[in-house]
Amino acid sequence: MSSVISEAERFNVKHPNLCPLLRWKGQFISAEPDPTVQPSNDGLFWCIHTQNCIGPDGELAEPGNCSSRTRGCHGTGICE
């Protein structure tokens, strides 16, 4: 049974257990945040291992899913 999480938690890229293999466009923008510009929060995430939005275990690669160390592929890209 899956639990429902808020959108803020689902897209929280500052989660302490976030998988190091997760990537998102914001990581590659070298600009200071501008408080006068609304954040894009585009939700485009991918796994380095699979090179797409689906992780090695077939689940979505996004912070809400990729911040659980109980996920089989967390940190390794290998599902056990």
PDB file of N, CA and C in Angstrom:
ATOM      1  N   MET A   1       0.839  -1.169   0.000  1.00  0.00           N
ATOM      2  CA  MET A   1       0.000   0.000   0.000  1.00  0.00           C
ATOM      3  C   MET A   1       0.894   1.246   0.000  1.00  0.00           C
ATOM      4  N   SER A   2       0.715   2.119  -0.965  1.00  0.00           N
ATOM      5  CA  SER A   2       1.533   3.326  -1.022  1.00  0.00           C
ATOM      6  C   SER A   2       0.854   4.460  -0.273  1.00  0.00           C
ATOM      7  N   SER A   3       1.653   5.338   0.275  1.00  0.00           N
ATOM      8  CA  SER A   3       1.107   6.472   1.003  1.00  0.00           C
ATOM      9  C   SER A   3       1.139   7.703   0.117  1.00  0.00           C
ATOM     10  N   VAL A   4       0.257   8.639   0.401  1.00  0.00           N
ATOM     11  CA  VAL A   4       0.190   9.871  -0.364  1.00  0.00           C
ATOM     12  C   VAL A   4       1.064  10.913   0.331  1.00  0.00           C
ATOM     13  N   ILE A   5       1.933  11.568  -0.447  1.00  0.00           N
ATOM     14  CA  ILE A   5       2.786  12.607   0.126  1.00  0.00           C
ATOM     15  C   ILE A   5       2.466  13.931  -0.559  1.00  0.00           C
ATOM     16  N   SER A   6       2.774  15.018   0.106  1.00  0.00           N
ATOM     17  CA  SER A   6       2.502  16.334  -0.448  1.00  0.00           C
ATOM     18  C   SER A   6       3.421  16.616  -1.629  1.00  0.00           C
ATOM     19  N   GLU A   7       3.021  17.554  -2.470  1.00  0.00           N
ATOM     20  CA  GLU A   7       3.844  17.927  -3.616  1.00  0.00           C
ATOM     21  C   GLU A   7       5.171  18.505  -3.152  1.00  0.00           C
ATOM     22  N   ALA A   8       5.155  19.270  -2.061  1.00  0.00           N
ATOM     23  CA  ALA A   8       6.397  19.852  -1.536  1.00  0.00           C
ATOM     24  C   ALA A   8       7.383  18.750  -1.144  1.00  0.00           C
ATOM     25  N   GLU A   9       6.904  17.685  -0.523  1.00  0.00           N
ATOM     26  CA  GLU A   9       7.777  16.573  -0.128  1.00  0.00           C
ATOM     27  C   GLU A   9       8.188  15.742  -1.349  1.00  0.00           C
ATOM     28  N   ARG A  10       7.271  15.593  -2.277  1.00  0.00           N
ATOM     29  CA  ARG A  10       7.546  14.798  -3.477  1.00  0.00           C
ATOM     30  C   ARG A  10       8.695  15.379  -4.296  1.00  0.00           C
ATOM     31  N   PHE A  11       8.800  16.716  -4.337  1.00  0.00           N
ATOM     32  CA  PHE A  11       9.825  17.374  -5.149  1.00  0.00           C
ATOM     33  C   PHE A  11      10.921  18.046  -4.318  1.00  0.00           C
ATOM     34  N   ASN A  12      11.074  17.644  -3.052  1.00  0.00           N
ATOM     35  CA  ASN A  12      12.066  18.232  -2.155  1.00  0.00           C
ATOM     36  C   ASN A  12      13.472  17.722  -2.493  1.00  0.00           C
ATOM     37  N   VAL A  13      14.251  18.551  -3.199  1.00  0.00           N
ATOM     38  CA  VAL A  13      15.604  18.144  -3.594  1.00  0.00           C
ATOM     39  C   VAL A  13      16.627  18.343  -2.475  1.00  0.00           C
ATOM     40  N   LYS A  14      16.187  18.812  -1.328  1.00  0.00           N
ATOM     41  CA  LYS A  14      17.090  19.008  -0.191  1.00  0.00           C
ATOM     42  C   LYS A  14      16.922  17.918   0.877  1.00  0.00           C
ATOM     43  N   HIS A  15      16.233  16.852   0.541  1.00  0.00           N
ATOM     44  CA  HIS A  15      16.024  15.756   1.492  1.00  0.00           C
ATOM     45  C   HIS A  15      17.379  15.158   1.865  1.00  0.00           C
ATOM     46  N   PRO A  16      17.640  14.921   3.157  1.00  0.00           N
ATOM     47  CA  PRO A  16      18.958  14.431   3.584  1.00  0.00           C
ATOM     48  C   PRO A  16      19.326  13.041   3.043  1.00  0.00           C
ATOM     49  N   ASN A  17      18.349  12.222   2.706  1.00  0.00           N
ATOM     50  CA  ASN A  17      18.647  10.868   2.203  1.00  0.00           C
ATOM     51  C   ASN A  17      18.495  10.757   0.691  1.00  0.00           C
ATOM     52  N   LEU A  18      18.503  11.875  -0.008  1.00  0.00           N
ATOM     53  CA  LEU A  18      18.311  11.862  -1.456  1.00  0.00           C
ATOM     54  C   LEU A  18      19.406  11.037  -2.138  1.00  0.00           C
ATOM     55  N   CYS A  19      18.993  10.172  -3.032  1.00  0.00           N
ATOM     56  CA  CYS A  19      19.948   9.313  -3.745  1.00  0.00           C
ATOM     57  C   CYS A  19      20.921  10.165  -4.547  1.00  0.00           C
ATOM     58  N   PRO A  20      22.209   9.884  -4.466  1.00  0.00           N
ATOM     59  CA  PRO A  20      23.203  10.660  -5.209  1.00  0.00           C
ATOM     60  C   PRO A  20      23.141  10.440  -6.719  1.00  0.00           C
ATOM     61  N   LEU A  21      22.366   9.463  -7.169  1.00  0.00           N
ATOM     62  CA  LEU A  21      22.232   9.198  -8.600  1.00  0.00           C
ATOM     63  C   LEU A  21      21.103   9.995  -9.246  1.00  0.00           C
ATOM     64  N   LEU A  22      20.302  10.697  -8.443  1.00  0.00           N
ATOM     65  CA  LEU A  22      19.198  11.495  -8.980  1.00  0.00           C
ATOM     66  C   LEU A  22      19.716  12.825  -9.507  1.00  0.00           C
ATOM     67  N   ARG A  23      19.251  13.218 -10.671  1.00  0.00           N
ATOM     68  CA  ARG A  23      19.630  14.492 -11.275  1.00  0.00           C
ATOM     69  C   ARG A  23      18.390  15.271 -11.681  1.00  0.00           C
ATOM     70  N   TRP A  24      18.549  16.605 -11.751  1.00  0.00           N
ATOM     71  CA  TRP A  24      17.484  17.489 -12.211  1.00  0.00           C
ATOM     72  C   TRP A  24      18.121  18.722 -12.818  1.00  0.00           C
ATOM     73  N   LYS A  25      17.360  19.380 -13.672  1.00  0.00           N
ATOM     74  CA  LYS A  25      17.880  20.503 -14.440  1.00  0.00           C
ATOM     75  C   LYS A  25      18.452  21.610 -13.550  1.00  0.00           C
ATOM     76  N   GLY A  26      17.835  21.879 -12.436  1.00  0.00           N
ATOM     77  CA  GLY A  26      18.276  22.949 -11.546  1.00  0.00           C
ATOM     78  C   GLY A  26      19.699  22.795 -11.042  1.00  0.00           C
ATOM     79  N   GLN A  27      20.231  21.580 -11.039  1.00  0.00           N
ATOM     80  CA  GLN A  27      21.609  21.349 -10.609  1.00  0.00           C
ATOM     81  C   GLN A  27      22.621  21.971 -11.566  1.00  0.00           C
ATOM     82  N   PHE A  28      22.213  22.202 -12.788  1.00  0.00           N
ATOM     83  CA  PHE A  28      23.137  22.650 -13.819  1.00  0.00           C
ATOM     84  C   PHE A  28      22.973  24.126 -14.180  1.00  0.00           C
ATOM     85  N   ILE A  29      22.208  24.852 -13.378  1.00  0.00           N
ATOM     86  CA  ILE A  29      22.008  26.283 -13.600  1.00  0.00           C
ATOM     87  C   ILE A  29      22.841  27.028 -12.568  1.00  0.00           C
ATOM     88  N   SER A  30      23.819  27.772 -13.027  1.00  0.00           N
ATOM     89  CA  SER A  30      24.707  28.464 -12.097  1.00  0.00           C
ATOM     90  C   SER A  30      24.298  29.936 -11.957  1.00  0.00           C
ATOM     91  N   ALA A  31      23.146  30.135 -11.368  1.00  0.00           N
ATOM     92  CA  ALA A  31      22.656  31.487 -11.123  1.00  0.00           C
ATOM     93  C   ALA A  31      22.073  31.540  -9.711  1.00  0.00           C
ATOM     94  N   GLU A  32      22.244  32.667  -9.074  1.00  0.00           N
ATOM     95  CA  GLU A  32      21.666  32.849  -7.751  1.00  0.00           C
ATOM     96  C   GLU A  32      20.141  32.951  -7.881  1.00  0.00           C
ATOM     97  N   PRO A  33      19.403  32.407  -6.908  1.00  0.00           N
ATOM     98  CA  PRO A  33      17.948  32.520  -6.955  1.00  0.00           C
ATOM     99  C   PRO A  33      17.518  33.995  -6.938  1.00  0.00           C
ATOM    100  N   ASP A  34      16.568  34.338  -7.756  1.00  0.00           N
ATOM    101  CA  ASP A  34      16.040  35.703  -7.835  1.00  0.00           C
ATOM    102  C   ASP A  34      14.643  35.707  -7.227  1.00  0.00           C
ATOM    103  N   PRO A  35      14.464  36.361  -6.079  1.00  0.00           N
ATOM    104  CA  PRO A  35      13.157  36.346  -5.402  1.00  0.00           C
ATOM    105  C   PRO A  35      12.050  37.014  -6.218  1.00  0.00           C
ATOM    106  N   THR A  36      12.400  37.781  -7.239  1.00  0.00           N
ATOM    107  CA  THR A  36      11.374  38.426  -8.057  1.00  0.00           C
ATOM    108  C   THR A  36      10.888  37.523  -9.191  1.00  0.00           C
ATOM    109  N   VAL A  37      11.554  36.374  -9.378  1.00  0.00           N
ATOM    110  CA  VAL A  37      11.169  35.446 -10.433  1.00  0.00           C
ATOM    111  C   VAL A  37      10.593  34.198  -9.793  1.00  0.00           C
ATOM    112  N   GLN A  38       9.418  33.809 -10.261  1.00  0.00           N
ATOM    113  CA  GLN A  38       8.780  32.614  -9.726  1.00  0.00           C
ATOM    114  C   GLN A  38       9.613  31.377 -10.083  1.00  0.00           C
ATOM    115  N   PRO A  39       9.868  30.466  -9.110  1.00  0.00           N
ATOM    116  CA  PRO A  39      10.655  29.258  -9.418  1.00  0.00           C
ATOM    117  C   PRO A  39       9.913  28.380 -10.420  1.00  0.00           C
ATOM    118  N   SER A  40      10.671  27.719 -11.280  1.00  0.00           N
ATOM    119  CA  SER A  40      10.034  26.887 -12.310  1.00  0.00           C
ATOM    120  C   SER A  40       9.497  25.586 -11.727  1.00  0.00           C
ATOM    121  N   ASN A  41      10.251  24.987 -10.793  1.00  0.00           N
ATOM    122  CA  ASN A  41       9.828  23.711 -10.191  1.00  0.00           C
ATOM    123  C   ASN A  41       9.261  22.781 -11.252  1.00  0.00           C
ATOM    124  N   ASP A  42      10.004  22.603 -12.320  1.00  0.00           N
ATOM    125  CA  ASP A  42       9.491  21.871 -13.465  1.00  0.00           C
ATOM    126  C   ASP A  42       9.311  20.378 -13.240  1.00  0.00           C
ATOM    127  N   GLY A  43       9.918  19.833 -12.211  1.00  0.00           N
ATOM    128  CA  GLY A  43       9.731  18.420 -11.908  1.00  0.00           C
ATOM    129  C   GLY A  43      10.371  17.471 -12.902  1.00  0.00           C
ATOM    130  N   LEU A  44      11.410  17.920 -13.595  1.00  0.00           N
ATOM    131  CA  LEU A  44      12.111  17.054 -14.540  1.00  0.00           C
ATOM    132  C   LEU A  44      13.306  16.410 -13.839  1.00  0.00           C
ATOM    133  N   PHE A  45      13.176  15.140 -13.522  1.00  0.00           N
ATOM    134  CA  PHE A  45      14.208  14.398 -12.807  1.00  0.00           C
ATOM    135  C   PHE A  45      14.597  13.167 -13.611  1.00  0.00           C
ATOM    136  N   TRP A  46      15.845  12.713 -13.438  1.00  0.00           N
ATOM    137  CA  TRP A  46      16.272  11.481 -14.078  1.00  0.00           C
ATOM    138  C   TRP A  46      17.310  10.786 -13.222  1.00  0.00           C
ATOM    139  N   CYS A  47      17.478   9.518 -13.474  1.00  0.00           N
ATOM    140  CA  CYS A  47      18.452   8.682 -12.767  1.00  0.00           C
ATOM    141  C   CYS A  47      19.700   8.568 -13.634  1.00  0.00           C
ATOM    142  N   ILE A  48      20.852   8.778 -13.045  1.00  0.00           N
ATOM    143  CA  ILE A  48      22.105   8.643 -13.791  1.00  0.00           C
ATOM    144  C   ILE A  48      22.252   7.223 -14.339  1.00  0.00           C
ATOM    145  N   HIS A  49      21.822   6.253 -13.568  1.00  0.00           N
ATOM    146  CA  HIS A  49      22.007   4.857 -13.978  1.00  0.00           C
ATOM    147  C   HIS A  49      21.196   4.511 -15.224  1.00  0.00           C
ATOM    148  N   THR A  50      19.920   4.911 -15.256  1.00  0.00           N
ATOM    149  CA  THR A  50      19.057   4.557 -16.389  1.00  0.00           C
ATOM    150  C   THR A  50      19.019   5.640 -17.463  1.00  0.00           C
ATOM    151  N   GLN A  51      19.452   6.860 -17.129  1.00  0.00           N
ATOM    152  CA  GLN A  51      19.432   8.003 -18.035  1.00  0.00           C
ATOM    153  C   GLN A  51      18.021   8.396 -18.466  1.00  0.00           C
ATOM    154  N   ASN A  52      17.021   8.093 -17.624  1.00  0.00           N
ATOM    155  CA  ASN A  52      15.666   8.559 -17.892  1.00  0.00           C
ATOM    156  C   ASN A  52      14.895   8.720 -16.594  1.00  0.00           C
ATOM    157  N   CYS A  53      13.620   9.002 -16.694  1.00  0.00           N
ATOM    158  CA  CYS A  53      12.808   9.322 -15.514  1.00  0.00           C
ATOM    159  C   CYS A  53      12.348   8.094 -14.734  1.00  0.00           C
ATOM    160  N   ILE A  54      12.730   6.924 -15.175  1.00  0.00           N
ATOM    161  CA  ILE A  54      12.387   5.682 -14.480  1.00  0.00           C
ATOM    162  C   ILE A  54      13.669   5.092 -13.901  1.00  0.00           C
ATOM    163  N   GLY A  55      13.627   4.774 -12.617  1.00  0.00           N
ATOM    164  CA  GLY A  55      14.800   4.188 -11.964  1.00  0.00           C
ATOM    165  C   GLY A  55      14.982   2.734 -12.344  1.00  0.00           C
ATOM    166  N   PRO A  56      16.080   2.128 -11.909  1.00  0.00           N
ATOM    167  CA  PRO A  56      16.381   0.730 -12.232  1.00  0.00           C
ATOM    168  C   PRO A  56      15.326  -0.252 -11.727  1.00  0.00           C
ATOM    169  N   ASP A  57      14.558   0.175 -10.725  1.00  0.00           N
ATOM    170  CA  ASP A  57      13.526  -0.697 -10.171  1.00  0.00           C
ATOM    171  C   ASP A  57      12.166  -0.494 -10.832  1.00  0.00           C
ATOM    172  N   GLY A  58      12.089   0.355 -11.867  1.00  0.00           N
ATOM    173  CA  GLY A  58      10.835   0.576 -12.577  1.00  0.00           C
ATOM    174  C   GLY A  58       9.953   1.658 -11.971  1.00  0.00           C
ATOM    175  N   GLU A  59      10.408   2.281 -10.898  1.00  0.00           N
ATOM    176  CA  GLU A  59       9.646   3.352 -10.252  1.00  0.00           C
ATOM    177  C   GLU A  59      10.136   4.705 -10.747  1.00  0.00           C
ATOM    178  N   LEU A  60       9.292   5.736 -10.578  1.00  0.00           N
ATOM    179  CA  LEU A  60       9.680   7.081 -10.988  1.00  0.00           C
ATOM    180  C   LEU A  60      10.922   7.555 -10.253  1.00  0.00           C
ATOM    181  N   ALA A  61      11.801   8.208 -10.978  1.00  0.00           N
ATOM    182  CA  ALA A  61      12.996   8.811 -10.393  1.00  0.00           C
ATOM    183  C   ALA A  61      12.660  10.256 -10.058  1.00  0.00           C
ATOM    184  N   GLU A  62      12.297  10.494  -8.831  1.00  0.00           N
ATOM    185  CA  GLU A  62      11.997  11.834  -8.319  1.00  0.00           C
ATOM    186  C   GLU A  62      12.286  11.835  -6.828  1.00  0.00           C
ATOM    187  N   PRO A  63      12.514  13.009  -6.243  1.00  0.00           N
ATOM    188  CA  PRO A  63      12.937  13.062  -4.842  1.00  0.00           C
ATOM    189  C   PRO A  63      12.057  12.290  -3.869  1.00  0.00           C
ATOM    190  N   GLY A  64      10.756  12.331  -4.031  1.00  0.00           N
ATOM    191  CA  GLY A  64       9.867  11.613  -3.116  1.00  0.00           C
ATOM    192  C   GLY A  64      10.122  10.122  -3.093  1.00  0.00           C
ATOM    193  N   ASN A  65      10.481   9.559  -4.232  1.00  0.00           N
ATOM    194  CA  ASN A  65      10.780   8.125  -4.319  1.00  0.00           C
ATOM    195  C   ASN A  65      12.246   7.831  -4.058  1.00  0.00           C
ATOM    196  N   CYS A  66      13.111   8.761  -4.401  1.00  0.00           N
ATOM    197  CA  CYS A  66      14.561   8.524  -4.341  1.00  0.00           C
ATOM    198  C   CYS A  66      15.199   9.013  -3.041  1.00  0.00           C
ATOM    199  N   SER A  67      14.407   9.140  -2.003  1.00  0.00           N
ATOM    200  CA  SER A  67      14.968   9.558  -0.718  1.00  0.00           C
ATOM    201  C   SER A  67      14.793   8.480   0.343  1.00  0.00           C
ATOM    202  N   SER A  68      14.417   7.296  -0.085  1.00  0.00           N
ATOM    203  CA  SER A  68      14.238   6.185   0.842  1.00  0.00           C
ATOM    204  C   SER A  68      15.382   5.194   0.684  1.00  0.00           C
ATOM    205  N   ARG A  69      16.131   4.992   1.727  1.00  0.00           N
ATOM    206  CA  ARG A  69      17.249   4.037   1.672  1.00  0.00           C
ATOM    207  C   ARG A  69      16.759   2.599   1.579  1.00  0.00           C
ATOM    208  N   THR A  70      15.461   2.395   1.749  1.00  0.00           N
ATOM    209  CA  THR A  70      14.918   1.050   1.607  1.00  0.00           C
ATOM    210  C   THR A  70      14.643   0.712   0.146  1.00  0.00           C
ATOM    211  N   ARG A  71      14.718   1.705  -0.737  1.00  0.00           N
ATOM    212  CA  ARG A  71      14.551   1.445  -2.167  1.00  0.00           C
ATOM    213  C   ARG A  71      15.751   0.636  -2.635  1.00  0.00           C
ATOM    214  N   GLY A  72      15.522  -0.443  -3.312  1.00  0.00           N
ATOM    215  CA  GLY A  72      16.563  -1.395  -3.680  1.00  0.00           C
ATOM    216  C   GLY A  72      17.760  -0.807  -4.419  1.00  0.00           C
ATOM    217  N   CYS A  73      17.528   0.206  -5.222  1.00  0.00           N
ATOM    218  CA  CYS A  73      18.602   0.759  -6.045  1.00  0.00           C
ATOM    219  C   CYS A  73      19.229   2.003  -5.443  1.00  0.00           C
ATOM    220  N   HIS A  74      18.805   2.440  -4.262  1.00  0.00           N
ATOM    221  CA  HIS A  74      19.272   3.692  -3.656  1.00  0.00           C
ATOM    222  C   HIS A  74      20.787   3.734  -3.551  1.00  0.00           C
ATOM    223  N   GLY A  75      21.380   4.710  -4.253  1.00  0.00           N
ATOM    224  CA  GLY A  75      22.810   4.927  -4.163  1.00  0.00           C
ATOM    225  C   GLY A  75      23.691   4.004  -4.985  1.00  0.00           C
ATOM    226  N   THR A  76      23.115   2.934  -5.524  1.00  0.00           N
ATOM    227  CA  THR A  76      23.934   1.987  -6.278  1.00  0.00           C
ATOM    228  C   THR A  76      23.514   1.861  -7.741  1.00  0.00           C
ATOM    229  N   GLY A  77      22.229   2.078  -8.009  1.00  0.00           N
ATOM    230  CA  GLY A  77      21.722   1.862  -9.349  1.00  0.00           C
ATOM    231  C   GLY A  77      21.466   0.400  -9.643  1.00  0.00           C
ATOM    232  N   ILE A  78      21.669  -0.443  -8.640  1.00  0.00           N
ATOM    233  CA  ILE A  78      21.491  -1.883  -8.806  1.00  0.00           C
ATOM    234  C   ILE A  78      20.352  -2.339  -7.910  1.00  0.00           C
ATOM    235  N   CYS A  79      19.394  -3.024  -8.488  1.00  0.00           N
ATOM    236  CA  CYS A  79      18.280  -3.548  -7.694  1.00  0.00           C
ATOM    237  C   CYS A  79      18.635  -4.943  -7.193  1.00  0.00           C
ATOM    238  N   GLU A  80      18.491  -5.099  -5.911  1.00  0.00           N
ATOM    239  CA  GLU A  80      18.818  -6.410  -5.315  1.00  0.00           C
ATOM    240  C   GLU A  80      17.580  -7.125  -4.915  1.00  0.00           C
TER     241      GLU A  80
END
